[in-house]
């Protein structure tokens, strides 16, 4: 599980990412990023009800994404607030490895990984 210091929970911070963030997208995920003045990169994962009406399905996807983030945390550049958004139900047919690959490609596209 991603430790609390790497998670964004304040509504004000999340709204700032969505308003002022730089967006990068691929077929199954979207990433919004904005610089913060911290030494850590923080995350929030949101999943639309369009993906699934079942909370168990949405929470499973959220747990998978959080685990991928946790495993790649040391590769990411510090000092950003990131919002990972899942809006398409295409993700339901993807495996963990597919989601991992898609998320890493987003990080690379956003220049968060060298």
PDB file of N, CA and C in Angstrom:
ATOM      1  N   UNK A   1       0.839  -1.181   0.000  1.00  0.00           N
ATOM      2  CA  UNK A   1       0.000   0.000   0.000  1.00  0.00           C
ATOM      3  C   UNK A   1       0.884   1.245   0.000  1.00  0.00           C
ATOM      4  N   UNK A   2       0.447   2.231  -0.708  1.00  0.00           N
ATOM      5  CA  UNK A   2       1.155   3.502  -0.803  1.00  0.00           C
ATOM      6  C   UNK A   2       1.049   4.236   0.532  1.00  0.00           C
ATOM      7  N   UNK A   3       2.176   4.674   1.082  1.00  0.00           N
ATOM      8  CA  UNK A   3       2.132   5.322   2.393  1.00  0.00           C
ATOM      9  C   UNK A   3       1.397   6.653   2.323  1.00  0.00           C
ATOM     10  N   UNK A   4       0.901   7.083   3.461  1.00  0.00           N
ATOM     11  CA  UNK A   4       0.041   8.256   3.534  1.00  0.00           C
ATOM     12  C   UNK A   4       0.730   9.536   3.058  1.00  0.00           C
ATOM     13  N   UNK A   5       2.032   9.616   3.241  1.00  0.00           N
ATOM     14  CA  UNK A   5       2.753  10.831   2.859  1.00  0.00           C
ATOM     15  C   UNK A   5       2.805  11.029   1.351  1.00  0.00           C
ATOM     16  N   UNK A   6       2.536   9.965   0.585  1.00  0.00           N
ATOM     17  CA  UNK A   6       2.548  10.055  -0.876  1.00  0.00           C
ATOM     18  C   UNK A   6       1.147  10.208  -1.473  1.00  0.00           C
ATOM     19  N   UNK A   7       0.130  10.283  -0.619  1.00  0.00           N
ATOM     20  CA  UNK A   7      -1.243  10.397  -1.106  1.00  0.00           C
ATOM     21  C   UNK A   7      -1.764  11.819  -0.921  1.00  0.00           C
ATOM     22  N   UNK A   8      -2.628  12.234  -1.825  1.00  0.00           N
ATOM     23  CA  UNK A   8      -3.280  13.541  -1.726  1.00  0.00           C
ATOM     24  C   UNK A   8      -4.702  13.299  -1.257  1.00  0.00           C
ATOM     25  N   UNK A   9      -5.088  13.963  -0.175  1.00  0.00           N
ATOM     26  CA  UNK A   9      -6.433  13.749   0.338  1.00  0.00           C
ATOM     27  C   UNK A   9      -7.244  15.039   0.447  1.00  0.00           C
ATOM     28  N   UNK A  10      -6.576  16.187   0.409  1.00  0.00           N
ATOM     29  CA  UNK A  10      -7.302  17.449   0.543  1.00  0.00           C
ATOM     30  C   UNK A  10      -7.988  17.822  -0.767  1.00  0.00           C
ATOM     31  N   UNK A  11      -9.238  18.176  -0.661  1.00  0.00           N
ATOM     32  CA  UNK A  11     -10.036  18.527  -1.833  1.00  0.00           C
ATOM     33  C   UNK A  11      -9.430  19.717  -2.577  1.00  0.00           C
ATOM     34  N   UNK A  12      -8.888  20.666  -1.844  1.00  0.00           N
ATOM     35  CA  UNK A  12      -8.279  21.854  -2.439  1.00  0.00           C
ATOM     36  C   UNK A  12      -7.105  21.474  -3.346  1.00  0.00           C
ATOM     37  N   UNK A  13      -6.265  20.546  -2.890  1.00  0.00           N
ATOM     38  CA  UNK A  13      -5.118  20.100  -3.682  1.00  0.00           C
ATOM     39  C   UNK A  13      -5.555  19.362  -4.939  1.00  0.00           C
ATOM     40  N   UNK A  14      -6.573  18.523  -4.803  1.00  0.00           N
ATOM     41  CA  UNK A  14      -7.077  17.761  -5.945  1.00  0.00           C
ATOM     42  C   UNK A  14      -7.688  18.699  -6.987  1.00  0.00           C
ATOM     43  N   UNK A  15      -8.458  19.680  -6.538  1.00  0.00           N
ATOM     44  CA  UNK A  15      -9.065  20.643  -7.465  1.00  0.00           C
ATOM     45  C   UNK A  15      -7.999  21.448  -8.200  1.00  0.00           C
ATOM     46  N   UNK A  16      -6.913  21.781  -7.518  1.00  0.00           N
ATOM     47  CA  UNK A  16      -5.832  22.527  -8.153  1.00  0.00           C
ATOM     48  C   UNK A  16      -5.185  21.717  -9.274  1.00  0.00           C
ATOM     49  N   UNK A  17      -5.024  20.427  -9.056  1.00  0.00           N
ATOM     50  CA  UNK A  17      -4.442  19.569 -10.095  1.00  0.00           C
ATOM     51  C   UNK A  17      -5.346  19.559 -11.326  1.00  0.00           C
ATOM     52  N   UNK A  18      -6.645  19.416 -11.122  1.00  0.00           N
ATOM     53  CA  UNK A  18      -7.566  19.345 -12.253  1.00  0.00           C
ATOM     54  C   UNK A  18      -7.701  20.678 -12.981  1.00  0.00           C
ATOM     55  N   UNK A  19      -7.568  21.793 -12.263  1.00  0.00           N
ATOM     56  CA  UNK A  19      -7.694  23.104 -12.901  1.00  0.00           C
ATOM     57  C   UNK A  19      -6.416  23.536 -13.617  1.00  0.00           C
ATOM     58  N   UNK A  20      -5.277  23.369 -12.959  1.00  0.00           N
ATOM     59  CA  UNK A  20      -4.022  23.916 -13.481  1.00  0.00           C
ATOM     60  C   UNK A  20      -3.082  22.857 -14.048  1.00  0.00           C
ATOM     61  N   UNK A  21      -3.495  21.603 -14.000  1.00  0.00           N
ATOM     62  CA  UNK A  21      -2.598  20.519 -14.367  1.00  0.00           C
ATOM     63  C   UNK A  21      -2.320  20.386 -15.850  1.00  0.00           C
ATOM     64  N   UNK A  22      -1.169  19.816 -16.150  1.00  0.00           N
ATOM     65  CA  UNK A  22      -0.770  19.449 -17.499  1.00  0.00           C
ATOM     66  C   UNK A  22      -1.226  18.009 -17.712  1.00  0.00           C
ATOM     67  N   UNK A  23      -1.982  17.763 -18.783  1.00  0.00           N
ATOM     68  CA  UNK A  23      -2.586  16.455 -19.007  1.00  0.00           C
ATOM     69  C   UNK A  23      -1.817  15.632 -20.023  1.00  0.00           C
ATOM     70  N   UNK A  24      -1.690  14.339 -19.726  1.00  0.00           N
ATOM     71  CA  UNK A  24      -1.124  13.348 -20.636  1.00  0.00           C
ATOM     72  C   UNK A  24      -2.102  12.178 -20.634  1.00  0.00           C
ATOM     73  N   UNK A  25      -2.406  11.665 -21.833  1.00  0.00           N
ATOM     74  CA  UNK A  25      -3.405  10.597 -21.921  1.00  0.00           C
ATOM     75  C   UNK A  25      -2.914   9.446 -22.796  1.00  0.00           C
ATOM     76  N   UNK A  26      -3.479   8.266 -22.521  1.00  0.00           N
ATOM     77  CA  UNK A  26      -3.375   7.147 -23.446  1.00  0.00           C
ATOM     78  C   UNK A  26      -4.742   6.478 -23.507  1.00  0.00           C
ATOM     79  N   UNK A  27      -4.829   5.282 -24.062  1.00  0.00           N
ATOM     80  CA  UNK A  27      -6.138   4.674 -24.306  1.00  0.00           C
ATOM     81  C   UNK A  27      -6.923   4.337 -23.050  1.00  0.00           C
ATOM     82  N   UNK A  28      -6.241   4.005 -21.967  1.00  0.00           N
ATOM     83  CA  UNK A  28      -6.988   3.588 -20.772  1.00  0.00           C
ATOM     84  C   UNK A  28      -6.812   4.506 -19.559  1.00  0.00           C
ATOM     85  N   UNK A  29      -5.781   5.344 -19.555  1.00  0.00           N
ATOM     86  CA  UNK A  29      -5.508   6.191 -18.395  1.00  0.00           C
ATOM     87  C   UNK A  29      -5.238   7.634 -18.812  1.00  0.00           C
ATOM     88  N   UNK A  30      -5.479   8.544 -17.875  1.00  0.00           N
ATOM     89  CA  UNK A  30      -5.108   9.949 -18.047  1.00  0.00           C
ATOM     90  C   UNK A  30      -4.323  10.368 -16.817  1.00  0.00           C
ATOM     91  N   UNK A  31      -3.405  11.288 -17.013  1.00  0.00           N
ATOM     92  CA  UNK A  31      -2.551  11.753 -15.921  1.00  0.00           C
ATOM     93  C   UNK A  31      -2.524  13.273 -15.948  1.00  0.00           C
ATOM     94  N   UNK A  32      -2.866  13.878 -14.827  1.00  0.00           N
ATOM     95  CA  UNK A  32      -2.747  15.326 -14.674  1.00  0.00           C
ATOM     96  C   UNK A  32      -1.637  15.585 -13.673  1.00  0.00           C
ATOM     97  N   UNK A  33      -0.773  16.561 -13.995  1.00  0.00           N
ATOM     98  CA  UNK A  33       0.345  16.825 -13.099  1.00  0.00           C
ATOM     99  C   UNK A  33       0.541  18.319 -12.907  1.00  0.00           C
ATOM    100  N   UNK A  34       0.937  18.675 -11.707  1.00  0.00           N
ATOM    101  CA  UNK A  34       1.255  20.055 -11.376  1.00  0.00           C
ATOM    102  C   UNK A  34       2.410  20.026 -10.382  1.00  0.00           C
ATOM    103  N   UNK A  35       3.304  20.996 -10.483  1.00  0.00           N
ATOM    104  CA  UNK A  35       4.449  21.058  -9.565  1.00  0.00           C
ATOM    105  C   UNK A  35       3.973  21.414  -8.159  1.00  0.00           C
ATOM    106  N   UNK A  36       4.606  20.794  -7.179  1.00  0.00           N
ATOM    107  CA  UNK A  36       4.384  21.199  -5.796  1.00  0.00           C
ATOM    108  C   UNK A  36       5.717  21.636  -5.208  1.00  0.00           C
ATOM    109  N   UNK A  37       5.712  22.222  -4.057  1.00  0.00           N
ATOM    110  CA  UNK A  37       6.953  22.692  -3.444  1.00  0.00           C
ATOM    111  C   UNK A  37       7.427  21.740  -2.352  1.00  0.00           C
ATOM    112  N   UNK A  38       7.227  20.458  -2.607  1.00  0.00           N
ATOM    113  CA  UNK A  38       7.616  19.440  -1.642  1.00  0.00           C
ATOM    114  C   UNK A  38       8.742  18.592  -2.217  1.00  0.00           C
ATOM    115  N   UNK A  39       9.349  17.791  -1.382  1.00  0.00           N
ATOM    116  CA  UNK A  39      10.417  16.912  -1.834  1.00  0.00           C
ATOM    117  C   UNK A  39       9.876  15.558  -2.274  1.00  0.00           C
ATOM    118  N   UNK A  40       8.552  15.405  -2.261  1.00  0.00           N
ATOM    119  CA  UNK A  40       7.926  14.143  -2.626  1.00  0.00           C
ATOM    120  C   UNK A  40       6.970  14.361  -3.784  1.00  0.00           C
ATOM    121  N   UNK A  41       6.728  13.298  -4.514  1.00  0.00           N
ATOM    122  CA  UNK A  41       5.672  13.296  -5.513  1.00  0.00           C
ATOM    123  C   UNK A  41       4.470  12.632  -4.866  1.00  0.00           C
ATOM    124  N   UNK A  42       3.320  13.321  -4.931  1.00  0.00           N
ATOM    125  CA  UNK A  42       2.107  12.808  -4.297  1.00  0.00           C
ATOM    126  C   UNK A  42       1.100  12.398  -5.368  1.00  0.00           C
ATOM    127  N   UNK A  43       0.201  11.487  -5.000  1.00  0.00           N
ATOM    128  CA  UNK A  43      -0.726  10.902  -5.961  1.00  0.00           C
ATOM    129  C   UNK A  43      -2.154  10.875  -5.447  1.00  0.00           C
ATOM    130  N   UNK A  44      -3.071  10.884  -6.424  1.00  0.00           N
ATOM    131  CA  UNK A  44      -4.474  10.574  -6.162  1.00  0.00           C
ATOM    132  C   UNK A  44      -4.957   9.789  -7.376  1.00  0.00           C
ATOM    133  N   UNK A  45      -5.746   8.753  -7.136  1.00  0.00           N
ATOM    134  CA  UNK A  45      -6.282   7.921  -8.207  1.00  0.00           C
ATOM    135  C   UNK A  45      -7.800   8.056  -8.173  1.00  0.00           C
ATOM    136  N   UNK A  46      -8.382   8.430  -9.316  1.00  0.00           N
ATOM    137  CA  UNK A  46      -9.840   8.533  -9.399  1.00  0.00           C
ATOM    138  C   UNK A  46     -10.341   7.625 -10.514  1.00  0.00           C
ATOM    139  N   UNK A  47     -11.467   6.982 -10.239  1.00  0.00           N
ATOM    140  CA  UNK A  47     -12.070   6.081 -11.213  1.00  0.00           C
ATOM    141  C   UNK A  47     -13.536   6.461 -11.365  1.00  0.00           C
ATOM    142  N   UNK A  48     -13.924   6.686 -12.604  1.00  0.00           N
ATOM    143  CA  UNK A  48     -15.278   7.110 -12.913  1.00  0.00           C
ATOM    144  C   UNK A  48     -16.276   5.973 -12.697  1.00  0.00           C
ATOM    145  N   UNK A  49     -17.510   6.331 -12.383  1.00  0.00           N
ATOM    146  CA  UNK A  49     -18.583   5.350 -12.284  1.00  0.00           C
ATOM    147  C   UNK A  49     -18.887   4.719 -13.641  1.00  0.00           C
ATOM    148  N   UNK A  50     -18.456   5.384 -14.712  1.00  0.00           N
ATOM    149  CA  UNK A  50     -18.662   4.831 -16.053  1.00  0.00           C
ATOM    150  C   UNK A  50     -17.872   3.538 -16.242  1.00  0.00           C
ATOM    151  N   UNK A  51     -16.779   3.402 -15.505  1.00  0.00           N
ATOM    152  CA  UNK A  51     -15.945   2.201 -15.609  1.00  0.00           C
ATOM    153  C   UNK A  51     -16.725   1.000 -15.094  1.00  0.00           C
ATOM    154  N   UNK A  52     -17.291   1.131 -13.906  1.00  0.00           N
ATOM    155  CA  UNK A  52     -18.106   0.076 -13.321  1.00  0.00           C
ATOM    156  C   UNK A  52     -18.964   0.674 -12.212  1.00  0.00           C
ATOM    157  N   UNK A  53     -20.166   0.185 -12.096  1.00  0.00           N
ATOM    158  CA  UNK A  53     -21.039   0.629 -11.012  1.00  0.00           C
ATOM    159  C   UNK A  53     -20.652  -0.037  -9.687  1.00  0.00           C
ATOM    160  N   UNK A  54     -19.914  -1.141  -9.785  1.00  0.00           N
ATOM    161  CA  UNK A  54     -19.538  -1.900  -8.588  1.00  0.00           C
ATOM    162  C   UNK A  54     -18.289  -1.307  -7.953  1.00  0.00           C
ATOM    163  N   UNK A  55     -18.409  -0.964  -6.682  1.00  0.00           N
ATOM    164  CA  UNK A  55     -17.269  -0.363  -5.980  1.00  0.00           C
ATOM    165  C   UNK A  55     -16.122  -1.361  -5.822  1.00  0.00           C
ATOM    166  N   UNK A  56     -16.433  -2.641  -5.730  1.00  0.00           N
ATOM    167  CA  UNK A  56     -15.376  -3.639  -5.572  1.00  0.00           C
ATOM    168  C   UNK A  56     -14.473  -3.678  -6.807  1.00  0.00           C
ATOM    169  N   UNK A  57     -15.065  -3.526  -7.978  1.00  0.00           N
ATOM    170  CA  UNK A  57     -14.292  -3.521  -9.218  1.00  0.00           C
ATOM    171  C   UNK A  57     -13.427  -2.266  -9.293  1.00  0.00           C
ATOM    172  N   UNK A  58     -14.018  -1.111  -8.966  1.00  0.00           N
ATOM    173  CA  UNK A  58     -13.268   0.146  -8.996  1.00  0.00           C
ATOM    174  C   UNK A  58     -12.137   0.129  -7.971  1.00  0.00           C
ATOM    175  N   UNK A  59     -12.392  -0.409  -6.797  1.00  0.00           N
ATOM    176  CA  UNK A  59     -11.366  -0.463  -5.757  1.00  0.00           C
ATOM    177  C   UNK A  59     -10.229  -1.410  -6.125  1.00  0.00           C
ATOM    178  N   UNK A  60     -10.536  -2.500  -6.822  1.00  0.00           N
ATOM    179  CA  UNK A  60      -9.485  -3.423  -7.259  1.00  0.00           C
ATOM    180  C   UNK A  60      -8.544  -2.712  -8.235  1.00  0.00           C
ATOM    181  N   UNK A  61      -9.111  -1.970  -9.178  1.00  0.00           N
ATOM    182  CA  UNK A  61      -8.293  -1.228 -10.135  1.00  0.00           C
ATOM    183  C   UNK A  61      -7.456  -0.180  -9.407  1.00  0.00           C
ATOM    184  N   UNK A  62      -8.062   0.490  -8.451  1.00  0.00           N
ATOM    185  CA  UNK A  62      -7.354   1.513  -7.678  1.00  0.00           C
ATOM    186  C   UNK A  62      -6.187   0.898  -6.895  1.00  0.00           C
ATOM    187  N   UNK A  63      -6.414  -0.266  -6.309  1.00  0.00           N
ATOM    188  CA  UNK A  63      -5.339  -0.947  -5.574  1.00  0.00           C
ATOM    189  C   UNK A  63      -4.201  -1.352  -6.514  1.00  0.00           C
ATOM    190  N   UNK A  64      -4.548  -1.826  -7.712  1.00  0.00           N
ATOM    191  CA  UNK A  64      -3.513  -2.203  -8.674  1.00  0.00           C
ATOM    192  C   UNK A  64      -2.681  -0.992  -9.081  1.00  0.00           C
ATOM    193  N   UNK A  65      -3.338   0.124  -9.353  1.00  0.00           N
ATOM    194  CA  UNK A  65      -2.618   1.336  -9.746  1.00  0.00           C
ATOM    195  C   UNK A  65      -1.741   1.838  -8.611  1.00  0.00           C
ATOM    196  N   UNK A  66      -2.258   1.812  -7.389  1.00  0.00           N
ATOM    197  CA  UNK A  66      -1.454   2.239  -6.235  1.00  0.00           C
ATOM    198  C   UNK A  66      -0.232   1.349  -6.047  1.00  0.00           C
ATOM    199  N   UNK A  67      -0.364   0.058  -6.296  1.00  0.00           N
ATOM    200  CA  UNK A  67       0.773  -0.853  -6.175  1.00  0.00           C
ATOM    201  C   UNK A  67       1.816  -0.574  -7.254  1.00  0.00           C
ATOM    202  N   UNK A  68       1.372  -0.298  -8.459  1.00  0.00           N
ATOM    203  CA  UNK A  68       2.304   0.048  -9.544  1.00  0.00           C
ATOM    204  C   UNK A  68       3.061   1.324  -9.190  1.00  0.00           C
ATOM    205  N   UNK A  69       2.359   2.298  -8.648  1.00  0.00           N
ATOM    206  CA  UNK A  69       3.004   3.548  -8.226  1.00  0.00           C
ATOM    207  C   UNK A  69       4.038   3.259  -7.139  1.00  0.00           C
ATOM    208  N   UNK A  70       3.654   2.459  -6.149  1.00  0.00           N
ATOM    209  CA  UNK A  70       4.559   2.156  -5.037  1.00  0.00           C
ATOM    210  C   UNK A  70       5.842   1.496  -5.535  1.00  0.00           C
ATOM    211  N   UNK A  71       5.708   0.591  -6.492  1.00  0.00           N
ATOM    212  CA  UNK A  71       6.884  -0.111  -7.008  1.00  0.00           C
ATOM    213  C   UNK A  71       7.781   0.789  -7.857  1.00  0.00           C
ATOM    214  N   UNK A  72       7.218   1.828  -8.459  1.00  0.00           N
ATOM    215  CA  UNK A  72       7.982   2.721  -9.325  1.00  0.00           C
ATOM    216  C   UNK A  72       8.327   4.053  -8.664  1.00  0.00           C
ATOM    217  N   UNK A  73       8.057   4.183  -7.383  1.00  0.00           N
ATOM    218  CA  UNK A  73       8.241   5.453  -6.680  1.00  0.00           C
ATOM    219  C   UNK A  73       9.674   5.959  -6.725  1.00  0.00           C
ATOM    220  N   UNK A  74      10.644   5.072  -6.632  1.00  0.00           N
ATOM    221  CA  UNK A  74      12.039   5.510  -6.621  1.00  0.00           C
ATOM    222  C   UNK A  74      12.510   5.977  -7.998  1.00  0.00           C
ATOM    223  N   UNK A  75      11.805   5.646  -9.069  1.00  0.00           N
ATOM    224  CA  UNK A  75      12.174   6.065 -10.424  1.00  0.00           C
ATOM    225  C   UNK A  75      11.604   7.435 -10.779  1.00  0.00           C
ATOM    226  N   UNK A  76      10.565   7.874 -10.068  1.00  0.00           N
ATOM    227  CA  UNK A  76       9.863   9.108 -10.413  1.00  0.00           C
ATOM    228  C   UNK A  76      10.571  10.342  -9.874  1.00  0.00           C
ATOM    229  N   UNK A  77      10.509  11.416 -10.638  1.00  0.00           N
ATOM    230  CA  UNK A  77      11.086  12.683 -10.198  1.00  0.00           C
ATOM    231  C   UNK A  77      10.256  13.241  -9.045  1.00  0.00           C
ATOM    232  N   UNK A  78      10.895  13.797  -8.023  1.00  0.00           N
ATOM    233  CA  UNK A  78      10.152  14.368  -6.896  1.00  0.00           C
ATOM    234  C   UNK A  78       9.629  15.766  -7.218  1.00  0.00           C
ATOM    235  N   UNK A  79       8.633  16.194  -6.452  1.00  0.00           N
ATOM    236  CA  UNK A  79       8.153  17.562  -6.551  1.00  0.00           C
ATOM    237  C   UNK A  79       6.926  17.759  -7.420  1.00  0.00           C
ATOM    238  N   UNK A  80       6.097  16.730  -7.578  1.00  0.00           N
ATOM    239  CA  UNK A  80       4.889  16.848  -8.388  1.00  0.00           C
ATOM    240  C   UNK A  80       3.683  16.298  -7.643  1.00  0.00           C
ATOM    241  N   UNK A  81       2.526  16.854  -7.952  1.00  0.00           N
ATOM    242  CA  UNK A  81       1.250  16.284  -7.542  1.00  0.00           C
ATOM    243  C   UNK A  81       0.634  15.671  -8.789  1.00  0.00           C
ATOM    244  N   UNK A  82       0.249  14.405  -8.696  1.00  0.00           N
ATOM    245  CA  UNK A  82      -0.271  13.686  -9.855  1.00  0.00           C
ATOM    246  C   UNK A  82      -1.669  13.155  -9.574  1.00  0.00           C
ATOM    247  N   UNK A  83      -2.537  13.288 -10.562  1.00  0.00           N
ATOM    248  CA  UNK A  83      -3.866  12.689 -10.507  1.00  0.00           C
ATOM    249  C   UNK A  83      -3.965  11.692 -11.653  1.00  0.00           C
ATOM    250  N   UNK A  84      -4.220  10.453 -11.318  1.00  0.00           N
ATOM    251  CA  UNK A  84      -4.390   9.420 -12.329  1.00  0.00           C
ATOM    252  C   UNK A  84      -5.877   9.159 -12.435  1.00  0.00           C
ATOM    253  N   UNK A  85      -6.404   9.322 -13.643  1.00  0.00           N
ATOM    254  CA  UNK A  85      -7.846   9.249 -13.866  1.00  0.00           C
ATOM    255  C   UNK A  85      -8.156   8.096 -14.810  1.00  0.00           C
ATOM    256  N   UNK A  86      -9.106   7.267 -14.407  1.00  0.00           N
ATOM    257  CA  UNK A  86      -9.583   6.172 -15.249  1.00  0.00           C
ATOM    258  C   UNK A  86     -11.024   6.501 -15.627  1.00  0.00           C
ATOM    259  N   UNK A  87     -11.276   6.709 -16.926  1.00  0.00           N
ATOM    260  CA  UNK A  87     -12.627   7.052 -17.364  1.00  0.00           C
ATOM    261  C   UNK A  87     -13.199   6.047 -18.350  1.00  0.00           C
ATOM    262  N   UNK A  88     -12.366   5.185 -18.891  1.00  0.00           N
ATOM    263  CA  UNK A  88     -12.846   4.234 -19.899  1.00  0.00           C
ATOM    264  C   UNK A  88     -12.914   2.833 -19.313  1.00  0.00           C
ATOM    265  N   UNK A  89     -13.978   2.124 -19.667  1.00  0.00           N
ATOM    266  CA  UNK A  89     -14.124   0.776 -19.130  1.00  0.00           C
ATOM    267  C   UNK A  89     -13.264  -0.240 -19.871  1.00  0.00           C
ATOM    268  N   UNK A  90     -12.417   0.200 -20.804  1.00  0.00           N
ATOM    269  CA  UNK A  90     -11.453  -0.687 -21.467  1.00  0.00           C
ATOM    270  C   UNK A  90     -10.497  -1.313 -20.450  1.00  0.00           C
ATOM    271  N   UNK A  91     -10.305  -0.639 -19.343  1.00  0.00           N
ATOM    272  CA  UNK A  91      -9.356  -1.122 -18.341  1.00  0.00           C
ATOM    273  C   UNK A  91      -9.814  -2.438 -17.716  1.00  0.00           C
ATOM    274  N   UNK A  92     -11.101  -2.723 -17.769  1.00  0.00           N
ATOM    275  CA  UNK A  92     -11.616  -3.958 -17.173  1.00  0.00           C
ATOM    276  C   UNK A  92     -11.084  -5.200 -17.877  1.00  0.00           C
ATOM    277  N   UNK A  93     -10.778  -5.079 -19.154  1.00  0.00           N
ATOM    278  CA  UNK A  93     -10.272  -6.231 -19.909  1.00  0.00           C
ATOM    279  C   UNK A  93      -8.745  -6.330 -19.866  1.00  0.00           C
ATOM    280  N   UNK A  94      -8.091  -5.405 -19.200  1.00  0.00           N
ATOM    281  CA  UNK A  94      -6.623  -5.375 -19.147  1.00  0.00           C
ATOM    282  C   UNK A  94      -6.111  -6.151 -17.938  1.00  0.00           C
ATOM    283  N   UNK A  95      -4.936  -6.734 -18.102  1.00  0.00           N
ATOM    284  CA  UNK A  95      -4.284  -7.419 -16.993  1.00  0.00           C
ATOM    285  C   UNK A  95      -3.440  -6.411 -16.209  1.00  0.00           C
ATOM    286  N   UNK A  96      -2.924  -6.872 -15.089  1.00  0.00           N
ATOM    287  CA  UNK A  96      -2.055  -6.032 -14.261  1.00  0.00           C
ATOM    288  C   UNK A  96      -0.849  -5.551 -15.063  1.00  0.00           C
ATOM    289  N   UNK A  97      -0.277  -6.431 -15.874  1.00  0.00           N
ATOM    290  CA  UNK A  97       0.895  -6.086 -16.670  1.00  0.00           C
ATOM    291  C   UNK A  97       0.560  -5.017 -17.716  1.00  0.00           C
ATOM    292  N   UNK A  98      -0.643  -5.103 -18.307  1.00  0.00           N
ATOM    293  CA  UNK A  98      -1.063  -4.090 -19.275  1.00  0.00           C
ATOM    294  C   UNK A  98      -1.218  -2.722 -18.616  1.00  0.00           C
ATOM    295  N   UNK A  99      -1.798  -2.707 -17.424  1.00  0.00           N
ATOM    296  CA  UNK A  99      -1.984  -1.449 -16.688  1.00  0.00           C
ATOM    297  C   UNK A  99      -0.625  -0.891 -16.283  1.00  0.00           C
ATOM    298  N   UNK A 100       0.271  -1.761 -15.836  1.00  0.00           N
ATOM    299  CA  UNK A 100       1.631  -1.354 -15.465  1.00  0.00           C
ATOM    300  C   UNK A 100       2.339  -0.717 -16.662  1.00  0.00           C
ATOM    301  N   UNK A 101       2.255  -1.347 -17.797  1.00  0.00           N
ATOM    302  CA  UNK A 101       2.886  -0.825 -19.008  1.00  0.00           C
ATOM    303  C   UNK A 101       2.299   0.529 -19.408  1.00  0.00           C
ATOM    304  N   UNK A 102       0.969   0.642 -19.375  1.00  0.00           N
ATOM    305  CA  UNK A 102       0.300   1.890 -19.755  1.00  0.00           C
ATOM    306  C   UNK A 102       0.679   3.027 -18.808  1.00  0.00           C
ATOM    307  N   UNK A 103       0.737   2.748 -17.510  1.00  0.00           N
ATOM    308  CA  UNK A 103       1.070   3.780 -16.535  1.00  0.00           C
ATOM    309  C   UNK A 103       2.524   4.215 -16.669  1.00  0.00           C
ATOM    310  N   UNK A 104       3.428   3.265 -16.899  1.00  0.00           N
ATOM    311  CA  UNK A 104       4.832   3.618 -17.092  1.00  0.00           C
ATOM    312  C   UNK A 104       5.032   4.440 -18.362  1.00  0.00           C
ATOM    313  N   UNK A 105       4.275   4.131 -19.409  1.00  0.00           N
ATOM    314  CA  UNK A 105       4.346   4.934 -20.633  1.00  0.00           C
ATOM    315  C   UNK A 105       3.856   6.360 -20.380  1.00  0.00           C
ATOM    316  N   UNK A 106       2.820   6.502 -19.546  1.00  0.00           N
ATOM    317  CA  UNK A 106       2.346   7.845 -19.190  1.00  0.00           C
ATOM    318  C   UNK A 106       3.412   8.614 -18.417  1.00  0.00           C
ATOM    319  N   UNK A 107       4.061   7.952 -17.455  1.00  0.00           N
ATOM    320  CA  UNK A 107       5.124   8.606 -16.688  1.00  0.00           C
ATOM    321  C   UNK A 107       6.259   9.046 -17.615  1.00  0.00           C
ATOM    322  N   UNK A 108       6.606   8.208 -18.568  1.00  0.00           N
ATOM    323  CA  UNK A 108       7.671   8.536 -19.507  1.00  0.00           C
ATOM    324  C   UNK A 108       7.253   9.700 -20.408  1.00  0.00           C
ATOM    325  N   UNK A 109       6.009   9.669 -20.883  1.00  0.00           N
ATOM    326  CA  UNK A 109       5.483  10.725 -21.749  1.00  0.00           C
ATOM    327  C   UNK A 109       5.442  12.074 -21.015  1.00  0.00           C
ATOM    328  N   UNK A 110       5.163  12.023 -19.713  1.00  0.00           N
ATOM    329  CA  UNK A 110       5.105  13.243 -18.901  1.00  0.00           C
ATOM    330  C   UNK A 110       6.487  13.658 -18.406  1.00  0.00           C
ATOM    331  N   UNK A 111       7.518  12.912 -18.793  1.00  0.00           N
ATOM    332  CA  UNK A 111       8.911  13.185 -18.419  1.00  0.00           C
ATOM    333  C   UNK A 111       9.140  13.104 -16.915  1.00  0.00           C
ATOM    334  N   UNK A 112       8.429  12.177 -16.276  1.00  0.00           N
ATOM    335  CA  UNK A 112       8.618  11.928 -14.857  1.00  0.00           C
ATOM    336  C   UNK A 112       9.647  10.827 -14.619  1.00  0.00           C
ATOM    337  N   UNK A 113       9.893  10.022 -15.656  1.00  0.00           N
ATOM    338  CA  UNK A 113      10.899   8.970 -15.634  1.00  0.00           C
ATOM    339  C   UNK A 113      11.872   9.242 -16.765  1.00  0.00           C
ATOM    340  N   UNK A 114      13.151   9.115 -16.474  1.00  0.00           N
ATOM    341  CA  UNK A 114      14.166   9.313 -17.515  1.00  0.00           C
ATOM    342  C   UNK A 114      14.331   8.075 -18.370  1.00  0.00           C
TER     343      UNK A 114
END
